[in-house]
N, C-alpha and C. Protein backbone atom coordinates (compact mmCIF):
# COMPACT_ATOMS: atom_id res chain seq x y z
N MET A 1 44.53 231.06 275.87
CA MET A 1 44.25 231.45 274.49
C MET A 1 45.30 232.45 274.02
N VAL A 2 45.61 232.37 272.74
CA VAL A 2 46.55 233.30 272.12
C VAL A 2 45.92 233.86 270.84
N ASN A 3 46.39 235.01 270.42
CA ASN A 3 45.92 235.61 269.18
C ASN A 3 46.98 235.40 268.11
N VAL A 4 46.62 234.71 267.02
CA VAL A 4 47.55 234.37 265.95
C VAL A 4 47.17 235.14 264.68
N ILE A 5 48.17 235.69 264.00
CA ILE A 5 48.00 236.33 262.71
C ILE A 5 48.49 235.33 261.66
N ILE A 6 47.65 234.99 260.69
CA ILE A 6 47.98 233.99 259.68
C ILE A 6 48.88 234.60 258.60
N GLU A 7 50.05 233.97 258.40
CA GLU A 7 51.01 234.40 257.39
C GLU A 7 51.03 233.47 256.19
N THR A 8 50.72 232.19 256.43
CA THR A 8 50.69 231.18 255.37
C THR A 8 49.42 230.36 255.57
N PRO A 9 48.40 230.59 254.73
CA PRO A 9 47.18 229.80 254.85
C PRO A 9 47.41 228.32 254.52
N ARG A 10 46.60 227.49 255.12
CA ARG A 10 46.65 226.05 254.83
C ARG A 10 46.52 225.85 253.32
N GLY A 11 47.37 225.01 252.75
CA GLY A 11 47.32 224.72 251.31
C GLY A 11 48.19 225.64 250.47
N SER A 12 48.78 226.66 251.07
CA SER A 12 49.59 227.62 250.33
C SER A 12 50.99 227.06 250.06
N PHE A 13 51.57 227.49 248.96
CA PHE A 13 52.94 227.14 248.62
C PHE A 13 53.90 228.26 249.00
N LEU A 14 53.35 229.42 249.38
CA LEU A 14 54.16 230.59 249.69
C LEU A 14 54.34 230.73 251.19
N LYS A 15 55.58 230.64 251.67
CA LYS A 15 55.89 230.79 253.10
C LYS A 15 56.32 232.22 253.35
N ARG A 16 55.55 232.93 254.16
CA ARG A 16 55.85 234.31 254.50
C ARG A 16 56.27 234.43 255.96
N GLY A 17 57.04 235.47 256.24
CA GLY A 17 57.44 235.77 257.61
C GLY A 17 56.46 236.74 258.24
N SER A 18 56.72 237.13 259.48
CA SER A 18 55.81 238.02 260.20
C SER A 18 55.73 239.42 259.60
N THR A 19 56.72 239.79 258.78
CA THR A 19 56.69 241.10 258.11
C THR A 19 55.88 241.06 256.83
N GLY A 20 55.48 239.85 256.41
CA GLY A 20 54.76 239.69 255.15
C GLY A 20 55.67 239.38 253.98
N LYS A 21 56.98 239.48 254.20
CA LYS A 21 57.96 239.21 253.15
C LYS A 21 57.99 237.72 252.84
N LEU A 22 58.08 237.38 251.56
CA LEU A 22 58.15 236.00 251.12
C LEU A 22 59.47 235.37 251.56
N ASP A 23 59.40 234.28 252.36
CA ASP A 23 60.60 233.57 252.82
C ASP A 23 61.07 232.57 251.77
N PHE A 24 60.12 231.76 251.29
CA PHE A 24 60.46 230.80 250.24
C PHE A 24 59.18 230.23 249.63
N ILE A 25 59.36 229.58 248.47
CA ILE A 25 58.26 228.90 247.80
C ILE A 25 58.46 227.41 248.03
N SER A 26 57.47 226.78 248.63
CA SER A 26 57.57 225.36 248.97
C SER A 26 57.18 224.48 247.78
N PRO A 27 57.82 223.34 247.62
CA PRO A 27 57.40 222.42 246.57
C PRO A 27 56.11 221.68 246.95
N LEU A 28 55.75 221.74 248.24
CA LEU A 28 54.53 221.09 248.74
C LEU A 28 53.67 222.11 249.47
N PRO A 29 52.35 221.95 249.42
CA PRO A 29 51.48 222.89 250.14
C PRO A 29 51.60 222.72 251.65
N CYS A 30 51.46 223.80 252.37
CA CYS A 30 51.49 223.76 253.83
C CYS A 30 50.25 223.01 254.33
N PRO A 31 50.41 222.00 255.20
CA PRO A 31 49.27 221.21 255.64
C PRO A 31 48.41 221.87 256.73
N PHE A 32 48.81 223.06 257.18
CA PHE A 32 48.02 223.76 258.19
C PHE A 32 48.25 225.25 258.05
N ASN A 33 47.48 226.04 258.77
CA ASN A 33 47.67 227.49 258.79
C ASN A 33 48.90 227.79 259.65
N TYR A 34 49.71 228.71 259.17
CA TYR A 34 50.96 229.03 259.85
C TYR A 34 51.02 230.53 260.06
N GLY A 35 51.41 230.94 261.24
CA GLY A 35 51.47 232.37 261.51
C GLY A 35 52.32 232.69 262.71
N SER A 36 52.03 233.82 263.31
CA SER A 36 52.81 234.23 264.48
C SER A 36 51.91 234.90 265.50
N ILE A 37 52.47 235.01 266.70
CA ILE A 37 51.75 235.62 267.82
C ILE A 37 52.47 236.93 268.15
N PRO A 38 51.90 238.07 267.72
CA PRO A 38 52.58 239.35 267.92
C PRO A 38 52.72 239.77 269.38
N ALA A 39 52.10 239.07 270.29
CA ALA A 39 52.21 239.41 271.71
C ALA A 39 53.50 238.88 272.33
N TYR A 40 54.25 238.04 271.58
CA TYR A 40 55.46 237.43 272.12
C TYR A 40 56.58 237.40 271.08
N ILE A 41 57.80 237.61 271.57
CA ILE A 41 59.00 237.44 270.75
C ILE A 41 59.59 236.08 271.12
N GLY A 42 59.82 235.24 270.11
CA GLY A 42 60.38 233.92 270.33
C GLY A 42 61.89 233.97 270.54
N THR A 43 62.47 232.82 270.80
CA THR A 43 63.91 232.73 271.06
C THR A 43 64.76 233.06 269.84
N ASP A 44 64.14 233.10 268.64
CA ASP A 44 64.87 233.44 267.43
C ASP A 44 64.85 234.95 267.15
N GLY A 45 64.20 235.74 268.04
CA GLY A 45 64.15 237.19 267.88
C GLY A 45 63.00 237.70 267.04
N ASP A 46 62.17 236.82 266.52
CA ASP A 46 61.00 237.19 265.73
C ASP A 46 59.75 236.87 266.55
N PHE A 47 58.57 237.30 266.05
CA PHE A 47 57.34 236.94 266.75
C PHE A 47 57.27 235.42 266.90
N LEU A 48 56.68 234.96 267.99
CA LEU A 48 56.55 233.53 268.28
C LEU A 48 55.75 232.86 267.17
N ASP A 49 56.30 231.78 266.60
CA ASP A 49 55.64 231.04 265.52
C ASP A 49 54.47 230.24 266.06
N ALA A 50 53.44 230.10 265.22
CA ALA A 50 52.26 229.33 265.62
C ALA A 50 51.68 228.58 264.43
N VAL A 51 51.24 227.37 264.70
CA VAL A 51 50.51 226.54 263.75
C VAL A 51 49.07 226.53 264.22
N VAL A 52 48.13 226.77 263.30
CA VAL A 52 46.71 226.72 263.66
C VAL A 52 46.06 225.60 262.86
N LEU A 53 45.61 224.57 263.58
CA LEU A 53 44.94 223.45 262.94
C LEU A 53 43.50 223.82 262.61
N GLY A 54 42.94 223.14 261.63
CA GLY A 54 41.56 223.40 261.24
C GLY A 54 41.46 223.85 259.81
N PRO A 55 40.30 224.40 259.43
CA PRO A 55 40.10 224.80 258.04
C PRO A 55 41.01 225.95 257.62
N ARG A 56 41.18 226.10 256.32
CA ARG A 56 42.01 227.16 255.75
C ARG A 56 41.51 228.52 256.21
N LEU A 57 42.45 229.35 256.64
CA LEU A 57 42.16 230.72 257.06
C LEU A 57 42.83 231.67 256.08
N PRO A 58 42.25 232.82 255.81
CA PRO A 58 42.85 233.74 254.84
C PRO A 58 44.13 234.40 255.35
N LEU A 59 45.01 234.76 254.42
CA LEU A 59 46.22 235.49 254.73
C LEU A 59 45.86 236.75 255.50
N GLY A 60 46.53 236.99 256.62
CA GLY A 60 46.28 238.18 257.43
C GLY A 60 45.18 238.04 258.46
N ALA A 61 44.49 236.90 258.45
CA ALA A 61 43.41 236.68 259.43
C ALA A 61 43.98 236.69 260.84
N SER A 62 43.20 237.18 261.77
CA SER A 62 43.55 237.17 263.19
C SER A 62 42.56 236.26 263.88
N ILE A 63 43.09 235.28 264.63
CA ILE A 63 42.22 234.31 265.28
C ILE A 63 42.69 234.05 266.70
N SER A 64 41.74 233.96 267.62
CA SER A 64 42.04 233.59 269.01
C SER A 64 41.80 232.10 269.15
N VAL A 65 42.84 231.37 269.56
CA VAL A 65 42.78 229.91 269.68
C VAL A 65 43.53 229.47 270.93
N TYR A 66 43.28 228.23 271.31
CA TYR A 66 43.99 227.62 272.43
C TYR A 66 45.34 227.10 271.98
N ALA A 67 46.35 227.28 272.79
CA ALA A 67 47.68 226.71 272.56
C ALA A 67 47.76 225.41 273.33
N TRP A 68 47.93 224.28 272.62
CA TRP A 68 47.90 222.96 273.24
C TRP A 68 49.27 222.34 273.44
N GLY A 69 50.26 222.87 272.76
CA GLY A 69 51.60 222.32 272.87
C GLY A 69 52.55 223.12 272.00
N THR A 70 53.78 222.65 271.92
CA THR A 70 54.76 223.29 271.06
C THR A 70 55.71 222.23 270.52
N VAL A 71 56.19 222.49 269.31
CA VAL A 71 57.24 221.65 268.74
C VAL A 71 58.51 222.48 268.79
N GLY A 72 59.53 221.91 269.41
CA GLY A 72 60.83 222.57 269.47
C GLY A 72 61.60 222.30 268.18
N MET A 73 62.16 223.35 267.61
CA MET A 73 62.93 223.23 266.37
C MET A 73 64.28 223.92 266.53
N ILE A 74 65.27 223.38 265.85
CA ILE A 74 66.54 224.08 265.71
C ILE A 74 66.66 224.40 264.23
N ASP A 75 66.79 225.68 263.92
CA ASP A 75 66.89 226.15 262.54
C ASP A 75 68.18 226.95 262.42
N GLY A 76 69.12 226.42 261.66
CA GLY A 76 70.40 227.10 261.50
C GLY A 76 71.14 227.25 262.82
N GLY A 77 70.95 226.28 263.72
CA GLY A 77 71.62 226.31 265.01
C GLY A 77 70.90 227.11 266.08
N ILE A 78 69.77 227.72 265.75
CA ILE A 78 69.02 228.54 266.70
C ILE A 78 67.73 227.82 267.09
N TYR A 79 67.51 227.69 268.41
CA TYR A 79 66.29 227.04 268.91
C TYR A 79 65.10 227.97 268.76
N GLU A 80 63.98 227.41 268.31
CA GLU A 80 62.72 228.16 268.26
C GLU A 80 61.55 227.23 268.52
N ASP A 81 60.49 227.80 269.05
CA ASP A 81 59.26 227.05 269.32
C ASP A 81 58.25 227.31 268.23
N LYS A 82 57.47 226.28 267.91
CA LYS A 82 56.32 226.39 267.02
C LYS A 82 55.12 226.03 267.89
N LEU A 83 54.37 227.04 268.34
CA LEU A 83 53.22 226.80 269.20
C LEU A 83 52.12 226.13 268.37
N ILE A 84 51.55 225.05 268.88
CA ILE A 84 50.53 224.30 268.16
C ILE A 84 49.16 224.67 268.75
N CYS A 85 48.31 225.24 267.90
CA CYS A 85 47.05 225.82 268.36
C CYS A 85 45.85 225.21 267.62
N ALA A 86 44.72 225.18 268.31
CA ALA A 86 43.48 224.67 267.73
C ALA A 86 42.33 225.06 268.65
N GLN A 87 41.13 224.98 268.12
CA GLN A 87 39.94 225.27 268.93
C GLN A 87 39.63 224.12 269.89
N LYS A 88 40.01 222.88 269.49
CA LYS A 88 39.75 221.69 270.31
C LYS A 88 41.07 221.04 270.69
N PRO A 89 41.07 220.22 271.75
CA PRO A 89 42.30 219.50 272.13
C PRO A 89 42.86 218.68 270.96
N ILE A 90 44.17 218.51 270.96
CA ILE A 90 44.86 217.79 269.89
C ILE A 90 45.02 216.33 270.30
N SER A 91 44.61 215.43 269.41
CA SER A 91 44.72 214.00 269.70
C SER A 91 46.18 213.55 269.60
N VAL A 92 46.45 212.38 270.16
CA VAL A 92 47.79 211.81 270.10
C VAL A 92 48.18 211.56 268.63
N ARG A 93 47.23 211.12 267.83
CA ARG A 93 47.48 210.89 266.39
C ARG A 93 47.87 212.20 265.70
N GLN A 94 47.12 213.26 265.96
CA GLN A 94 47.45 214.57 265.37
C GLN A 94 48.85 215.01 265.81
N GLN A 95 49.13 214.82 267.07
CA GLN A 95 50.43 215.20 267.62
C GLN A 95 51.56 214.47 266.87
N ARG A 96 51.40 213.17 266.65
CA ARG A 96 52.41 212.38 265.93
C ARG A 96 52.58 212.87 264.50
N LEU A 97 51.46 213.18 263.82
CA LEU A 97 51.53 213.67 262.44
C LEU A 97 52.21 215.04 262.36
N ILE A 98 51.94 215.89 263.34
CA ILE A 98 52.59 217.20 263.38
C ILE A 98 54.09 217.03 263.58
N LEU A 99 54.48 216.15 264.49
CA LEU A 99 55.92 215.88 264.71
C LEU A 99 56.58 215.32 263.45
N LEU A 100 55.90 214.40 262.77
CA LEU A 100 56.44 213.84 261.53
C LEU A 100 56.66 214.95 260.50
N PHE A 101 55.68 215.83 260.36
CA PHE A 101 55.82 216.95 259.43
C PHE A 101 57.07 217.77 259.77
N PHE A 102 57.23 218.12 261.04
CA PHE A 102 58.36 218.97 261.41
C PHE A 102 59.71 218.25 261.32
N MET A 103 59.72 216.94 261.45
CA MET A 103 60.96 216.19 261.23
C MET A 103 61.37 216.28 259.76
N ILE A 104 60.40 216.11 258.88
CA ILE A 104 60.66 216.23 257.44
C ILE A 104 61.01 217.67 257.09
N TYR A 105 60.29 218.61 257.67
CA TYR A 105 60.53 220.04 257.44
C TYR A 105 61.97 220.42 257.82
N ALA A 106 62.46 219.89 258.95
CA ALA A 106 63.82 220.20 259.40
C ALA A 106 64.86 219.72 258.38
N LYS A 107 64.63 218.54 257.79
CA LYS A 107 65.54 218.03 256.78
C LYS A 107 65.50 218.89 255.52
N ALA A 108 64.30 219.29 255.12
CA ALA A 108 64.16 220.14 253.94
C ALA A 108 64.79 221.51 254.18
N LYS A 109 64.61 222.05 255.37
CA LYS A 109 65.19 223.35 255.72
C LYS A 109 66.71 223.28 255.72
N TYR A 110 67.26 222.16 256.16
CA TYR A 110 68.71 221.96 256.12
C TYR A 110 69.21 222.06 254.68
N LEU A 111 68.52 221.37 253.75
CA LEU A 111 68.92 221.41 252.34
C LEU A 111 68.78 222.82 251.76
N LEU A 112 67.71 223.50 252.11
CA LEU A 112 67.50 224.87 251.64
C LEU A 112 68.61 225.79 252.17
N ASN A 113 68.95 225.66 253.43
CA ASN A 113 70.03 226.47 254.01
C ASN A 113 71.37 226.14 253.36
N LEU A 114 71.59 224.86 253.05
CA LEU A 114 72.83 224.44 252.40
C LEU A 114 72.95 225.10 251.03
N ILE A 115 71.87 225.10 250.28
CA ILE A 115 71.85 225.73 248.95
C ILE A 115 72.13 227.23 249.07
N LYS A 116 71.59 227.87 250.11
CA LYS A 116 71.76 229.31 250.30
C LYS A 116 73.10 229.65 250.97
N GLY A 117 73.88 228.62 251.32
CA GLY A 117 75.17 228.86 251.95
C GLY A 117 75.09 229.19 253.43
N ARG A 118 73.97 228.90 254.05
CA ARG A 118 73.80 229.14 255.49
C ARG A 118 74.23 227.90 256.26
N LYS A 119 74.96 228.12 257.33
CA LYS A 119 75.43 227.01 258.14
C LYS A 119 74.56 226.85 259.37
N GLY A 120 74.74 225.74 260.04
CA GLY A 120 74.03 225.51 261.28
C GLY A 120 73.16 224.27 261.23
N HIS A 121 72.98 223.68 262.38
CA HIS A 121 72.21 222.46 262.57
C HIS A 121 70.71 222.73 262.42
N ASN A 122 69.96 221.77 261.86
CA ASN A 122 68.50 221.84 261.76
C ASN A 122 67.93 220.53 262.27
N SER A 123 66.96 220.60 263.18
CA SER A 123 66.33 219.38 263.68
C SER A 123 65.01 219.70 264.38
N CYS A 124 64.21 218.65 264.51
CA CYS A 124 62.98 218.73 265.28
C CYS A 124 63.31 218.17 266.66
N GLU A 125 63.05 218.95 267.70
CA GLU A 125 63.42 218.58 269.06
C GLU A 125 62.27 217.97 269.86
N GLY A 126 61.13 217.68 269.21
CA GLY A 126 60.04 216.99 269.88
C GLY A 126 58.93 217.90 270.38
N TRP A 127 57.96 217.25 271.00
CA TRP A 127 56.75 217.90 271.51
C TRP A 127 56.97 218.33 272.95
N HIS A 128 56.52 219.55 273.28
CA HIS A 128 56.61 220.08 274.63
C HIS A 128 55.30 220.79 274.96
N ASP A 129 55.13 221.16 276.21
CA ASP A 129 53.89 221.84 276.60
C ASP A 129 53.95 223.31 276.17
N ALA A 130 52.79 223.88 275.92
CA ALA A 130 52.70 225.27 275.46
C ALA A 130 53.22 226.26 276.49
N ALA A 131 53.01 225.97 277.76
CA ALA A 131 53.44 226.89 278.82
C ALA A 131 54.95 227.10 278.80
N SER A 132 55.72 226.05 278.47
CA SER A 132 57.18 226.20 278.44
C SER A 132 57.60 227.14 277.30
N ALA A 133 56.92 227.07 276.16
CA ALA A 133 57.25 227.96 275.04
C ALA A 133 56.90 229.40 275.39
N LEU A 134 55.77 229.61 276.02
CA LEU A 134 55.35 230.96 276.40
C LEU A 134 56.28 231.52 277.48
N ALA A 135 56.79 230.66 278.36
CA ALA A 135 57.73 231.11 279.40
C ALA A 135 59.07 231.53 278.80
N ARG A 136 59.49 230.86 277.71
CA ARG A 136 60.74 231.21 277.04
C ARG A 136 60.61 232.49 276.21
N ALA A 137 59.40 232.78 275.75
CA ALA A 137 59.17 233.95 274.89
C ALA A 137 59.17 235.24 275.73
N ILE A 138 59.42 236.34 275.04
CA ILE A 138 59.42 237.65 275.68
C ILE A 138 58.11 238.36 275.34
N PRO A 139 57.33 238.73 276.36
CA PRO A 139 56.07 239.45 276.08
C PRO A 139 56.35 240.80 275.41
N CYS A 140 55.54 241.13 274.41
CA CYS A 140 55.64 242.42 273.73
C CYS A 140 54.68 243.38 274.38
N ILE A 141 55.12 244.60 274.53
CA ILE A 141 54.23 245.64 275.03
C ILE A 141 53.92 246.55 273.86
N HIS A 142 52.67 246.44 273.38
CA HIS A 142 52.24 247.26 272.25
C HIS A 142 51.77 248.60 272.76
N GLN A 143 52.32 249.66 272.20
CA GLN A 143 51.91 251.00 272.61
C GLN A 143 51.03 251.60 271.52
N ASP A 144 49.93 252.15 271.91
CA ASP A 144 49.02 252.81 270.99
C ASP A 144 49.60 254.17 270.66
N LYS A 145 49.84 254.43 269.36
CA LYS A 145 50.43 255.70 268.92
C LYS A 145 49.51 256.88 269.20
N ASN A 146 48.21 256.61 269.31
CA ASN A 146 47.24 257.68 269.53
C ASN A 146 47.00 257.96 271.03
N ALA A 147 47.59 257.11 271.88
CA ALA A 147 47.38 257.30 273.31
C ALA A 147 48.08 258.57 273.79
N VAL A 148 47.47 259.26 274.74
CA VAL A 148 48.05 260.51 275.27
C VAL A 148 48.80 260.24 276.54
């Protein structure tokens, strides 16, 4: 199980990063809840990205869910994992639909980066197991400011 903080609720057009800053406005609503796992730093140097399947969750919600797999992405030439999470196991059909979304997303991100003058390859690298994404990530050690 992992703890995910929701940055983009399902159905939202506003894509936010882990800092809460608006990344971009999508022409299509996000088909799932999107967020990050503050316990891990991903290969892109930001909190590990996570998709949470199921009903719409509010912005800023914190939810503990199972990580069932990961979709590997290259964004601007940098590899990153998108951990795929849900309360129940993910069916093969769901897995295929998630991969299709990220294939289309990679093409759209390429166009967005091109417009912004950013270089680098964008692609969906397929489905992998969740353990491999967590092994690539760097665990964060959160220190309590009030601790003595």
